[in-house]
Amino acid sequence: MTVRRSLLAAIEGAQREREGLQTRLDVYYAQATNLIDNSGEFGTRSEEDEGAIEDAERNAAAARLRIGQISEHMEQLKTVLATLDATAPQA
């Protein structure tokens, strides 16, 4: 596998991971929203409902952080690819 193909494969893999995380992030937000809407007012919710909301929010925060890391990594890979393409001998 050439360096260029390796870079393209890494970018493609990161894109798939980011899309999967975005789907999970949407699910976490939907879970938290559903629980908030159906579990009463703050302060009157059961410990179980409050814990489930906190879990969904924590999972969403972790997914958001990882999506940002992946996006940054993809930009770095694209920069390396652009540099490679700009300096590669033309056939």
C-alpha atoms as a PDB file:
ATOM      1  CA  MET A   1       0.000   0.000   0.000  1.00  0.00           C
ATOM      2  CA  THR A   2       1.358   3.416  -0.918  1.00  0.00           C
ATOM      3  CA  VAL A   3       1.677   6.256   1.563  1.00  0.00           C
ATOM      4  CA  ARG A   4      -1.100   8.105  -0.255  1.00  0.00           C
ATOM      5  CA  ARG A   5      -3.453   5.128  -0.048  1.00  0.00           C
ATOM      6  CA  SER A   6      -2.631   4.706   3.638  1.00  0.00           C
ATOM      7  CA  LEU A   7      -3.500   8.349   4.285  1.00  0.00           C
ATOM      8  CA  LEU A   8      -6.752   8.049   2.339  1.00  0.00           C
ATOM      9  CA  ALA A   9      -7.662   4.881   4.253  1.00  0.00           C
ATOM     10  CA  ALA A  10      -6.943   6.604   7.579  1.00  0.00           C
ATOM     11  CA  ILE A  11      -9.089   9.605   6.598  1.00  0.00           C
ATOM     12  CA  GLU A  12     -11.904   7.312   5.476  1.00  0.00           C
ATOM     13  CA  GLY A  13     -11.736   5.281   8.697  1.00  0.00           C
ATOM     14  CA  ALA A  14     -11.777   8.424  10.822  1.00  0.00           C
ATOM     15  CA  GLN A  15     -14.780   9.723   8.865  1.00  0.00           C
ATOM     16  CA  ARG A  16     -16.694   6.504   9.541  1.00  0.00           C
ATOM     17  CA  GLU A  17     -15.812   6.643  13.242  1.00  0.00           C
ATOM     18  CA  ARG A  18     -16.908  10.278  13.449  1.00  0.00           C
ATOM     19  CA  GLU A  19     -20.226   9.508  11.736  1.00  0.00           C
ATOM     20  CA  GLY A  20     -20.860   6.599  14.102  1.00  0.00           C
ATOM     21  CA  LEU A  21     -20.110   8.756  17.117  1.00  0.00           C
ATOM     22  CA  GLN A  22     -22.402  11.488  15.800  1.00  0.00           C
ATOM     23  CA  THR A  23     -25.215   8.943  15.574  1.00  0.00           C
ATOM     24  CA  ARG A  24     -24.549   7.838  19.157  1.00  0.00           C
ATOM     25  CA  LEU A  25     -24.370  11.478  20.279  1.00  0.00           C
ATOM     26  CA  ASP A  26     -27.817  12.081  18.789  1.00  0.00           C
ATOM     27  CA  VAL A  27     -29.119   9.017  20.664  1.00  0.00           C
ATOM     28  CA  TYR A  28     -27.643  10.226  23.965  1.00  0.00           C
ATOM     29  CA  TYR A  29     -29.291  13.617  23.555  1.00  0.00           C
ATOM     30  CA  ALA A  30     -32.597  11.975  22.648  1.00  0.00           C
ATOM     31  CA  GLN A  31     -32.373   9.754  25.731  1.00  0.00           C
ATOM     32  CA  ALA A  32     -31.655  12.690  28.025  1.00  0.00           C
ATOM     33  CA  THR A  33     -34.448  14.757  26.488  1.00  0.00           C
ATOM     34  CA  ASN A  34     -36.936  11.918  26.760  1.00  0.00           C
ATOM     35  CA  LEU A  35     -36.025  11.277  30.388  1.00  0.00           C
ATOM     36  CA  ILE A  36     -36.230  14.975  31.264  1.00  0.00           C
ATOM     37  CA  ASP A  37     -39.599  15.322  29.534  1.00  0.00           C
ATOM     38  CA  ASN A  38     -41.086  12.242  31.207  1.00  0.00           C
ATOM     39  CA  SER A  39     -39.595  12.170  34.683  1.00  0.00           C
ATOM     40  CA  GLY A  40     -40.957  15.224  36.416  1.00  0.00           C
ATOM     41  CA  GLU A  41     -39.399  18.454  37.513  1.00  0.00           C
ATOM     42  CA  PHE A  42     -35.824  18.791  38.696  1.00  0.00           C
ATOM     43  CA  GLY A  43     -35.673  18.001  42.394  1.00  0.00           C
ATOM     44  CA  THR A  44     -38.655  15.655  42.225  1.00  0.00           C
ATOM     45  CA  ARG A  45     -37.125  13.027  39.927  1.00  0.00           C
ATOM     46  CA  SER A  46     -36.182   9.635  41.263  1.00  0.00           C
ATOM     47  CA  GLU A  47     -32.505   8.882  41.825  1.00  0.00           C
ATOM     48  CA  GLU A  48     -32.738   6.311  39.039  1.00  0.00           C
ATOM     49  CA  ASP A  49     -34.080   8.864  36.527  1.00  0.00           C
ATOM     50  CA  GLU A  50     -31.550  11.473  37.620  1.00  0.00           C
ATOM     51  CA  GLY A  51     -28.732   8.932  37.270  1.00  0.00           C
ATOM     52  CA  ALA A  52     -29.902   7.924  33.789  1.00  0.00           C
ATOM     53  CA  ILE A  53     -30.016  11.579  32.721  1.00  0.00           C
ATOM     54  CA  GLU A  54     -26.519  12.153  34.089  1.00  0.00           C
ATOM     55  CA  ASP A  55     -25.250   9.044  32.266  1.00  0.00           C
ATOM     56  CA  ALA A  56     -26.719  10.226  28.969  1.00  0.00           C
ATOM     57  CA  GLU A  57     -25.210  13.690  29.451  1.00  0.00           C
ATOM     58  CA  ARG A  58     -21.803  12.217  30.381  1.00  0.00           C
ATOM     59  CA  ASN A  59     -21.852   9.911  27.353  1.00  0.00           C
ATOM     60  CA  ALA A  60     -22.805  12.832  25.106  1.00  0.00           C
ATOM     61  CA  ALA A  61     -19.954  14.946  26.463  1.00  0.00           C
ATOM     62  CA  ALA A  62     -17.453  12.130  25.858  1.00  0.00           C
ATOM     63  CA  ALA A  63     -18.750  11.595  22.309  1.00  0.00           C
ATOM     64  CA  ARG A  64     -18.569  15.330  21.579  1.00  0.00           C
ATOM     65  CA  LEU A  65     -14.968  15.441  22.802  1.00  0.00           C
ATOM     66  CA  ARG A  66     -13.983  12.432  20.693  1.00  0.00           C
ATOM     67  CA  ILE A  67     -15.698  13.864  17.608  1.00  0.00           C
ATOM     68  CA  GLY A  68     -13.584  16.999  18.024  1.00  0.00           C
ATOM     69  CA  GLN A  69     -10.414  14.934  18.372  1.00  0.00           C
ATOM     70  CA  ILE A  70     -11.237  12.913  15.279  1.00  0.00           C
ATOM     71  CA  SER A  71     -12.011  16.050  13.282  1.00  0.00           C
ATOM     72  CA  GLU A  72      -8.663  17.557  14.279  1.00  0.00           C
ATOM     73  CA  HIS A  73      -6.856  14.346  13.363  1.00  0.00           C
ATOM     74  CA  MET A  74      -8.595  14.253   9.980  1.00  0.00           C
ATOM     75  CA  GLU A  75      -7.460  17.799   9.243  1.00  0.00           C
ATOM     76  CA  GLN A  76      -3.883  16.822  10.100  1.00  0.00           C
ATOM     77  CA  LEU A  77      -4.084  13.817   7.789  1.00  0.00           C
ATOM     78  CA  LYS A  78      -5.518  15.975   4.998  1.00  0.00           C
ATOM     79  CA  THR A  79      -2.655  18.450   5.454  1.00  0.00           C
ATOM     80  CA  VAL A  80      -0.116  15.635   5.169  1.00  0.00           C
ATOM     81  CA  LEU A  81      -1.924  14.331   2.076  1.00  0.00           C
ATOM     82  CA  ALA A  82      -1.930  17.779   0.466  1.00  0.00           C
ATOM     83  CA  THR A  83       1.785  18.171   1.195  1.00  0.00           C
ATOM     84  CA  LEU A  84       2.468  14.744  -0.264  1.00  0.00           C
ATOM     85  CA  ASP A  85       0.477  15.539  -3.393  1.00  0.00           C
ATOM     86  CA  ALA A  86       2.212  18.915  -3.795  1.00  0.00           C
ATOM     87  CA  THR A  87       5.697  17.423  -3.510  1.00  0.00           C
ATOM     88  CA  ALA A  88       5.188  14.120  -5.332  1.00  0.00           C
ATOM     89  CA  PRO A  89       6.788  13.844  -8.748  1.00  0.00           C
ATOM     90  CA  GLN A  90       4.273  14.228 -11.547  1.00  0.00           C
ATOM     91  CA  ALA A  91       3.899  11.186 -13.813  1.00  0.00           C
END
